[in-house]
Amino acid sequence: MQMEGILKVSKSGREWKEPVLYANGSLINPSIPYCEELKPLCSGDTIIINGSILMSSKSFTINLQRLKENGKFDVVMHVGVRFGQNVVIRNHCVDGQWFEEEKSGGLGKLEKGKHFECLLMVCDKFFKIAFNGQHHSEFAHRLPYKQITHLLIEGGVQIDSLLIQAGPESRPQLQSSSMPLVTYCHQPPASGDQVCTEQKMSGYPPLYGLPVPHRDEIQGGLKPSTVIYISGIPSKRPKQFVIDLRPVPLFGQVDKALHFKVQMKEKVIVLNTFEDGKWGEELRITERFPFQGGVHYDLVFLCTKEGFKVSVNNVHLTDYKHRMTKLETINMIEVSGATKLIHIRKLI
């Protein structure tokens, strides 16, 4: 599945390392300051920024800009996070002149030294802004959003990933001001095909900045179409980490419906099932190893009637047929080993 939105890196005379651009359009680990040339935005498009706020950060800025014929920029929307004032400023700028600031909403859940996710959604009459899974504010269009040509990020942040989620021109259920922006649809690919349509959290809010090891309940267990989205950063040391989807232990017996082990040193991924005290036959992936120490990853498990579809960084990795078929009993996620766990989502 090809995502729209990211074309090229605009150097603007600065020198920094080239970020990694995945086939789906997601950009991994760009250096800051970062300026990106965009395709024209449409109503329903969402810019998704994941990263960490530096402990030394005083502020950081996300600007949606338009390039003028003289080579200078106007700012169509400015989002300025200012820790000294405990505020997120929204504004616009034309020919170097700033206009009236909007300051409602405070800092939300933004904290120094912590991971953050920022969603900027284009609607017909305004932008919707969300941080860490919670609606923050709206910013009415003062300049035409279709004139936006560039995205600029600067200040005291480190960016792990940047993605533009394309949306249809008309999405009435998200355009209404009565419905705040708190989630978006994640669409993992299955051998190049779209495998899910728009989904809602239905009581499963995202979890952020989690300790490892970590256990999390899947209320009601798995069902076909359940999507589990895990974002993290492996240790730079060549060790391993494990993700288990399993039932709650009964009478001391710990079964594992899907055991997903990433062996960083050997560059091998092992999938297996542990049931009735016995391991099954391993599925080993050795040809493609998408993980790298210290580099952000997005891992998706899609549950279908037949099995699990697994993708990493929005690229299909493998299929794994169900060996434990009572999906409703698989109601736990467990993450352990040498990985930082940024956040987990469960979509139904």
Protein backbone atom coordinates (compact mmCIF):
# COMPACT_ATOMS: atom_id res chain seq x y z
CA MET A 1 0.00 0.00 0.00
CA GLN A 2 1.52 3.30 -1.09
CA MET A 3 0.95 6.33 1.12
CA GLU A 4 0.90 9.81 -0.39
CA GLY A 5 2.64 12.88 0.85
CA ILE A 6 6.44 12.89 1.07
CA LEU A 7 8.51 13.78 -1.96
CA LYS A 8 12.03 14.83 -1.12
CA VAL A 9 14.33 16.45 1.41
CA SER A 10 14.84 20.17 0.98
CA LYS A 11 18.42 20.94 1.97
CA SER A 12 18.12 24.74 2.10
CA GLY A 13 21.89 25.00 2.29
CA ARG A 14 22.14 22.94 5.50
CA GLU A 15 24.04 19.71 5.89
CA TRP A 16 22.70 16.72 7.82
CA LYS A 17 22.53 12.96 7.40
CA GLU A 18 19.97 11.58 4.97
CA PRO A 19 16.92 10.14 6.76
CA VAL A 20 15.50 6.76 5.80
CA LEU A 21 12.41 6.97 3.57
CA TYR A 22 10.30 3.80 3.55
CA ALA A 23 8.29 2.71 0.53
CA ASN A 24 5.03 3.68 2.27
CA GLY A 25 6.15 7.30 2.56
CA SER A 26 7.12 7.23 6.23
CA LEU A 27 10.33 9.05 7.07
CA ILE A 28 12.51 7.67 9.86
CA ASN A 29 14.94 9.66 12.05
CA PRO A 30 15.21 12.97 10.17
CA SER A 31 17.66 15.48 11.65
CA ILE A 32 16.44 18.72 13.24
CA PRO A 33 15.93 21.37 11.93
CA TYR A 34 14.04 19.59 9.16
CA CYS A 35 12.32 21.07 6.10
CA GLU A 36 10.19 18.85 3.87
CA GLU A 37 8.56 19.66 0.52
CA LEU A 38 5.02 18.27 0.37
CA LYS A 39 2.53 17.31 -2.26
CA PRO A 40 -0.65 19.43 -2.12
CA LEU A 41 -2.67 18.60 0.99
CA CYS A 42 -6.32 17.63 0.76
CA SER A 43 -9.13 17.70 3.29
CA GLY A 44 -8.86 14.54 5.41
CA ASP A 45 -5.06 14.24 5.19
CA THR A 46 -3.27 13.81 8.52
CA ILE A 47 0.37 14.59 9.28
CA ILE A 48 1.63 12.18 11.97
CA ILE A 49 4.82 13.06 13.85
CA ASN A 50 6.39 10.74 16.44
CA GLY A 51 9.42 11.70 18.49
CA SER A 52 10.90 12.63 21.85
CA ILE A 53 11.18 15.99 23.59
CA LEU A 54 14.69 16.79 24.81
CA MET A 55 15.14 17.37 28.55
CA SER A 56 16.88 20.65 27.68
CA SER A 57 14.07 21.79 25.39
CA LYS A 58 12.70 25.28 25.87
CA SER A 59 10.42 25.08 22.84
CA PHE A 60 9.85 23.43 19.50
CA THR A 61 7.97 24.45 16.39
CA ILE A 62 5.95 22.75 13.66
CA ASN A 63 5.17 25.03 10.72
CA LEU A 64 3.08 24.40 7.63
CA GLN A 65 4.44 26.90 5.11
CA ARG A 66 3.91 28.19 1.59
CA LEU A 67 6.86 29.05 -0.65
CA LYS A 68 6.55 32.37 -2.44
CA GLU A 69 8.04 33.42 -5.77
CA ASN A 70 10.73 35.43 -4.01
CA GLY A 71 11.97 32.28 -2.27
CA LYS A 72 10.67 33.26 1.16
CA PHE A 73 8.00 31.51 3.21
CA ASP A 74 4.68 32.50 4.69
CA VAL A 75 3.45 30.37 7.58
CA VAL A 76 -0.04 28.97 6.96
CA MET A 77 -0.13 27.37 10.42
CA HIS A 78 2.41 27.73 13.22
CA VAL A 79 2.29 25.30 16.16
CA GLY A 80 4.74 26.52 18.80
CA VAL A 81 5.24 24.50 21.97
CA ARG A 82 6.68 26.77 24.68
CA PHE A 83 7.53 25.07 27.95
CA GLY A 84 8.43 28.28 29.80
CA GLN A 85 4.89 29.58 29.23
CA ASN A 86 3.13 26.17 29.48
CA VAL A 87 1.36 26.85 26.21
CA VAL A 88 0.99 25.66 22.60
CA ILE A 89 0.75 28.72 20.33
CA ARG A 90 -1.19 28.64 17.04
CA ASN A 91 -0.70 31.48 14.58
CA HIS A 92 0.08 32.43 10.99
CA CYS A 93 2.58 34.78 9.35
CA VAL A 94 2.49 36.73 6.07
CA ASP A 95 5.49 38.71 4.73
CA GLY A 96 7.20 38.44 8.11
CA GLN A 97 4.23 39.80 10.05
CA TRP A 98 2.70 37.60 12.77
CA PHE A 99 -0.97 37.89 13.64
CA GLU A 100 -3.14 37.12 16.68
CA GLU A 101 -2.01 34.13 18.73
CA GLU A 102 -4.34 31.38 19.93
CA LYS A 103 -3.26 29.89 23.28
CA SER A 104 -6.08 27.77 24.70
CA GLY A 105 -5.45 24.16 25.73
CA GLY A 106 -2.21 24.48 27.69
CA LEU A 107 0.54 21.91 27.04
CA GLY A 108 -1.77 18.92 27.09
CA LYS A 109 0.30 15.83 27.95
CA LEU A 110 3.57 17.13 26.49
CA GLU A 111 6.51 16.66 28.89
CA LYS A 112 10.24 17.15 28.59
CA GLY A 113 12.18 13.91 28.26
CA LYS A 114 9.09 11.99 27.12
CA HIS A 115 7.86 10.58 23.83
CA PHE A 116 5.20 12.52 21.97
CA GLU A 117 2.92 12.02 19.00
CA CYS A 118 1.45 14.99 17.14
CA LEU A 119 -1.42 14.69 14.66
CA LEU A 120 -2.30 17.59 12.36
CA MET A 121 -5.45 16.90 10.36
CA VAL A 122 -6.63 19.05 7.47
CA CYS A 123 -10.38 19.74 7.52
CA ASP A 124 -12.44 21.96 5.23
CA LYS A 125 -12.59 24.92 7.62
CA PHE A 126 -9.80 24.29 10.13
CA PHE A 127 -6.90 22.13 11.26
CA LYS A 128 -7.40 19.64 14.09
CA ILE A 129 -4.43 19.25 16.45
CA ALA A 130 -3.90 16.28 18.79
CA PHE A 131 -1.06 15.28 21.10
CA ASN A 132 -0.52 11.79 22.52
CA GLY A 133 -3.92 10.51 21.48
CA GLN A 134 -5.89 13.45 22.91
CA HIS A 135 -7.57 16.25 21.01
CA HIS A 136 -5.87 19.56 21.83
CA SER A 137 -7.33 22.32 19.69
CA GLU A 138 -8.54 23.53 16.32
CA PHE A 139 -7.11 26.31 14.18
CA ALA A 140 -9.41 27.95 11.63
CA HIS A 141 -7.87 28.45 8.21
CA ARG A 142 -6.56 31.98 7.81
CA LEU A 143 -4.74 31.15 4.56
CA PRO A 144 -5.77 28.50 2.00
CA TYR A 145 -4.39 25.12 3.08
CA LYS A 146 -4.04 24.06 -0.55
CA GLN A 147 -1.20 26.60 -0.84
CA ILE A 148 0.94 24.71 1.71
CA THR A 149 4.20 23.57 0.10
CA HIS A 150 6.54 22.73 3.01
CA LEU A 151 6.69 21.32 6.52
CA LEU A 152 9.30 22.72 8.93
CA ILE A 153 10.19 21.18 12.32
CA GLU A 154 12.78 22.83 14.57
CA GLY A 155 13.67 23.23 18.22
CA GLY A 156 14.29 20.88 21.13
CA VAL A 157 12.95 17.61 19.77
CA GLN A 158 14.18 14.40 18.20
CA ILE A 159 11.90 13.00 15.48
CA ASP A 160 11.57 9.21 15.18
CA SER A 161 9.09 9.03 12.30
CA LEU A 162 7.05 11.28 10.04
CA LEU A 163 4.12 10.12 7.93
CA ILE A 164 1.34 11.73 5.94
CA GLN A 165 -1.81 9.61 6.11
CA ALA A 166 -3.82 10.30 2.97
CA GLY A 167 -7.58 10.77 3.38
CA PRO A 168 -10.48 11.12 0.95
CA GLU A 169 -11.65 14.63 0.06
CA SER A 170 -14.87 14.17 2.03
CA ARG A 171 -14.96 12.55 5.48
CA PRO A 172 -18.05 14.03 7.17
CA GLN A 173 -17.59 12.02 10.37
CA LEU A 174 -14.21 13.74 10.98
CA GLN A 175 -15.03 17.19 9.62
CA SER A 176 -17.57 18.08 12.31
CA SER A 177 -16.25 20.32 15.07
CA SER A 178 -18.27 18.21 17.52
CA MET A 179 -15.96 15.24 16.91
CA PRO A 180 -12.39 15.90 18.19
CA LEU A 181 -9.38 14.34 16.54
CA VAL A 182 -8.02 11.63 18.83
CA THR A 183 -7.20 8.70 16.55
CA TYR A 184 -6.41 7.80 12.99
CA CYS A 185 -6.63 4.64 10.94
CA HIS A 186 -3.47 2.62 10.64
CA GLN A 187 -3.53 0.48 7.50
CA PRO A 188 -0.88 -2.25 7.41
CA PRO A 189 -0.21 -3.86 4.03
CA ALA A 190 -0.66 -7.52 3.21
CA SER A 191 1.53 -8.46 0.26
CA GLY A 192 0.86 -5.05 -1.24
CA ASP A 193 -2.91 -5.09 -0.65
CA GLN A 194 -4.96 -2.95 1.69
CA VAL A 195 -6.11 -5.18 4.53
CA CYS A 196 -8.23 -2.93 6.73
CA THR A 197 -10.51 0.05 6.39
CA GLU A 198 -11.05 2.90 8.80
CA GLN A 199 -11.32 1.65 12.37
CA LYS A 200 -11.95 3.22 15.79
CA MET A 201 -10.33 2.64 19.16
CA SER A 202 -13.59 1.48 20.84
CA GLY A 203 -12.25 1.91 24.35
CA TYR A 204 -8.60 1.07 23.65
CA PRO A 205 -6.70 4.37 24.04
CA PRO A 206 -3.00 4.36 23.08
CA LEU A 207 -0.46 3.83 25.86
CA TYR A 208 2.76 5.89 25.88
CA GLY A 209 6.24 5.73 27.41
CA LEU A 210 5.86 2.18 28.74
CA PRO A 211 8.39 0.31 30.90
CA VAL A 212 9.80 -3.01 29.68
CA PRO A 213 8.86 -5.70 30.49
CA HIS A 214 5.26 -4.65 29.89
CA ARG A 215 1.96 -6.54 30.01
CA ASP A 216 -1.30 -5.21 28.65
CA GLU A 217 -4.79 -6.71 28.54
CA ILE A 218 -6.84 -7.13 25.36
CA GLN A 219 -10.38 -6.81 26.68
CA GLY A 220 -12.57 -9.52 25.21
CA GLY A 221 -9.62 -11.20 23.49
CA LEU A 222 -8.66 -11.17 19.84
CA LYS A 223 -11.11 -11.27 16.97
CA PRO A 224 -10.70 -11.17 13.19
CA SER A 225 -9.78 -7.60 12.16
CA THR A 226 -8.09 -6.76 15.49
CA VAL A 227 -4.94 -4.72 14.88
CA ILE A 228 -2.14 -4.36 17.44
CA TYR A 229 0.28 -1.53 16.72
CA ILE A 230 3.57 -1.39 18.65
CA SER A 231 6.15 1.37 18.31
CA GLY A 232 9.60 1.17 19.86
CA ILE A 233 13.36 1.49 19.55
CA PRO A 234 15.63 -1.57 19.95
CA SER A 235 18.69 -1.31 22.17
CA LYS A 236 21.91 -0.42 20.38
CA ARG A 237 23.44 -3.47 22.02
CA PRO A 238 23.03 -6.65 19.92
CA LYS A 239 20.48 -8.36 22.15
CA GLN A 240 16.96 -9.65 21.59
CA PHE A 241 13.41 -8.60 22.39
CA VAL A 242 10.18 -10.57 22.42
CA ILE A 243 6.50 -9.86 21.88
CA ASP A 244 4.01 -12.50 23.03
CA LEU A 245 0.28 -12.63 22.33
CA ARG A 246 -1.17 -15.08 24.83
CA PRO A 247 -4.01 -16.03 27.15
CA VAL A 248 -3.98 -15.09 30.82
CA PRO A 249 -2.20 -17.99 32.60
CA LEU A 250 -4.50 -20.65 34.09
CA PHE A 251 -3.30 -22.82 36.97
CA GLY A 252 0.27 -21.69 36.35
CA GLN A 253 0.26 -22.72 32.68
CA VAL A 254 1.55 -20.01 30.32
CA ASP A 255 0.56 -20.63 26.71
CA LYS A 256 1.68 -18.33 23.89
CA ALA A 257 -0.45 -18.07 20.76
CA LEU A 258 2.19 -15.99 18.95
CA HIS A 259 5.77 -15.75 20.17
CA PHE A 260 7.61 -13.11 18.11
CA LYS A 261 11.34 -12.99 18.92
CA VAL A 262 13.76 -10.53 17.32
CA GLN A 263 17.39 -11.67 17.59
CA MET A 264 19.41 -8.54 16.85
CA LYS A 265 22.87 -10.12 16.84
CA GLU A 266 21.92 -13.02 14.54
CA LYS A 267 19.55 -10.83 12.47
CA VAL A 268 16.86 -13.49 12.71
CA ILE A 269 13.16 -13.26 13.56
CA VAL A 270 11.56 -16.35 15.10
CA LEU A 271 7.79 -16.98 15.31
CA ASN A 272 6.34 -19.91 17.25
CA THR A 273 3.52 -21.12 19.53
CA PHE A 274 3.84 -22.58 23.03
CA GLU A 275 0.87 -24.73 24.06
CA ASP A 276 0.37 -27.48 26.66
CA GLY A 277 3.98 -27.17 27.76
CA LYS A 278 5.44 -27.69 24.26
CA TRP A 279 6.89 -25.49 21.54
CA GLY A 280 5.70 -25.97 17.98
CA GLU A 281 7.72 -25.75 14.79
CA GLU A 282 9.60 -22.48 14.40
CA LEU A 283 9.04 -20.08 11.54
CA ARG A 284 12.38 -18.35 11.01
CA ILE A 285 12.85 -15.23 8.90
CA THR A 286 16.44 -14.72 7.85
CA GLU A 287 16.33 -13.10 4.41
CA ARG A 288 14.88 -9.75 5.44
CA PHE A 289 15.71 -8.18 8.79
CA PRO A 290 14.01 -4.77 9.16
CA PHE A 291 15.25 -3.89 12.66
CA GLN A 292 18.31 -1.82 13.55
CA GLY A 293 19.70 -0.98 16.96
CA GLY A 294 18.74 2.51 18.10
CA VAL A 295 16.35 3.05 15.16
CA HIS A 296 12.60 3.52 15.60
CA TYR A 297 10.28 0.75 14.36
CA ASP A 298 6.52 0.41 13.83
CA LEU A 299 5.31 -3.19 14.21
CA VAL A 300 1.75 -4.25 13.32
CA PHE A 301 -0.03 -7.54 14.01
CA LEU A 302 -3.30 -7.94 12.11
CA CYS A 303 -5.48 -10.83 13.28
CA THR A 304 -7.55 -12.52 10.57
CA LYS A 305 -9.69 -15.68 10.57
CA GLU A 306 -6.72 -17.65 9.21
CA GLY A 307 -3.85 -16.20 11.19
CA PHE A 308 -1.70 -13.14 11.82
CA LYS A 309 -0.37 -10.78 9.18
CA VAL A 310 2.79 -9.06 10.42
CA SER A 311 4.27 -5.85 9.02
CA VAL A 312 7.26 -3.76 10.07
CA ASN A 313 7.48 -0.09 9.08
CA ASN A 314 4.38 -0.62 6.94
CA VAL A 315 6.09 -3.32 4.85
CA HIS A 316 4.58 -6.81 4.97
CA LEU A 317 6.92 -9.22 6.76
CA THR A 318 5.15 -12.58 7.02
CA ASP A 319 1.91 -14.50 7.65
CA TYR A 320 1.54 -16.86 10.61
CA LYS A 321 -1.33 -19.37 10.65
CA HIS A 322 -3.32 -19.70 13.88
CA ARG A 323 -2.30 -22.70 15.99
CA MET A 324 -4.49 -21.62 18.90
CA THR A 325 -7.90 -21.12 17.30
CA LYS A 326 -9.93 -19.84 20.28
CA LEU A 327 -9.09 -16.21 19.58
CA GLU A 328 -11.25 -14.84 22.38
CA THR A 329 -8.92 -16.49 24.93
CA ILE A 330 -5.87 -14.61 23.58
CA ASN A 331 -6.20 -11.55 25.77
CA MET A 332 -2.68 -10.43 26.75
CA ILE A 333 0.22 -8.60 25.08
CA GLU A 334 3.63 -9.00 26.70
CA VAL A 335 6.77 -7.14 25.59
CA SER A 336 10.15 -8.03 27.07
CA GLY A 337 13.84 -7.75 26.28
CA ALA A 338 16.14 -5.06 24.90
CA THR A 339 13.73 -2.54 23.41
CA LYS A 340 12.36 0.84 24.40
CA LEU A 341 8.57 0.72 24.16
CA ILE A 342 7.17 4.01 22.92
CA HIS A 343 3.50 3.18 22.57
CA ILE A 344 0.90 0.49 21.95
CA ARG A 345 -2.46 0.77 20.19
CA LYS A 346 -5.20 -1.82 19.88
CA LEU A 347 -7.70 -1.29 17.07
CA ILE A 348 -10.86 -3.36 16.65
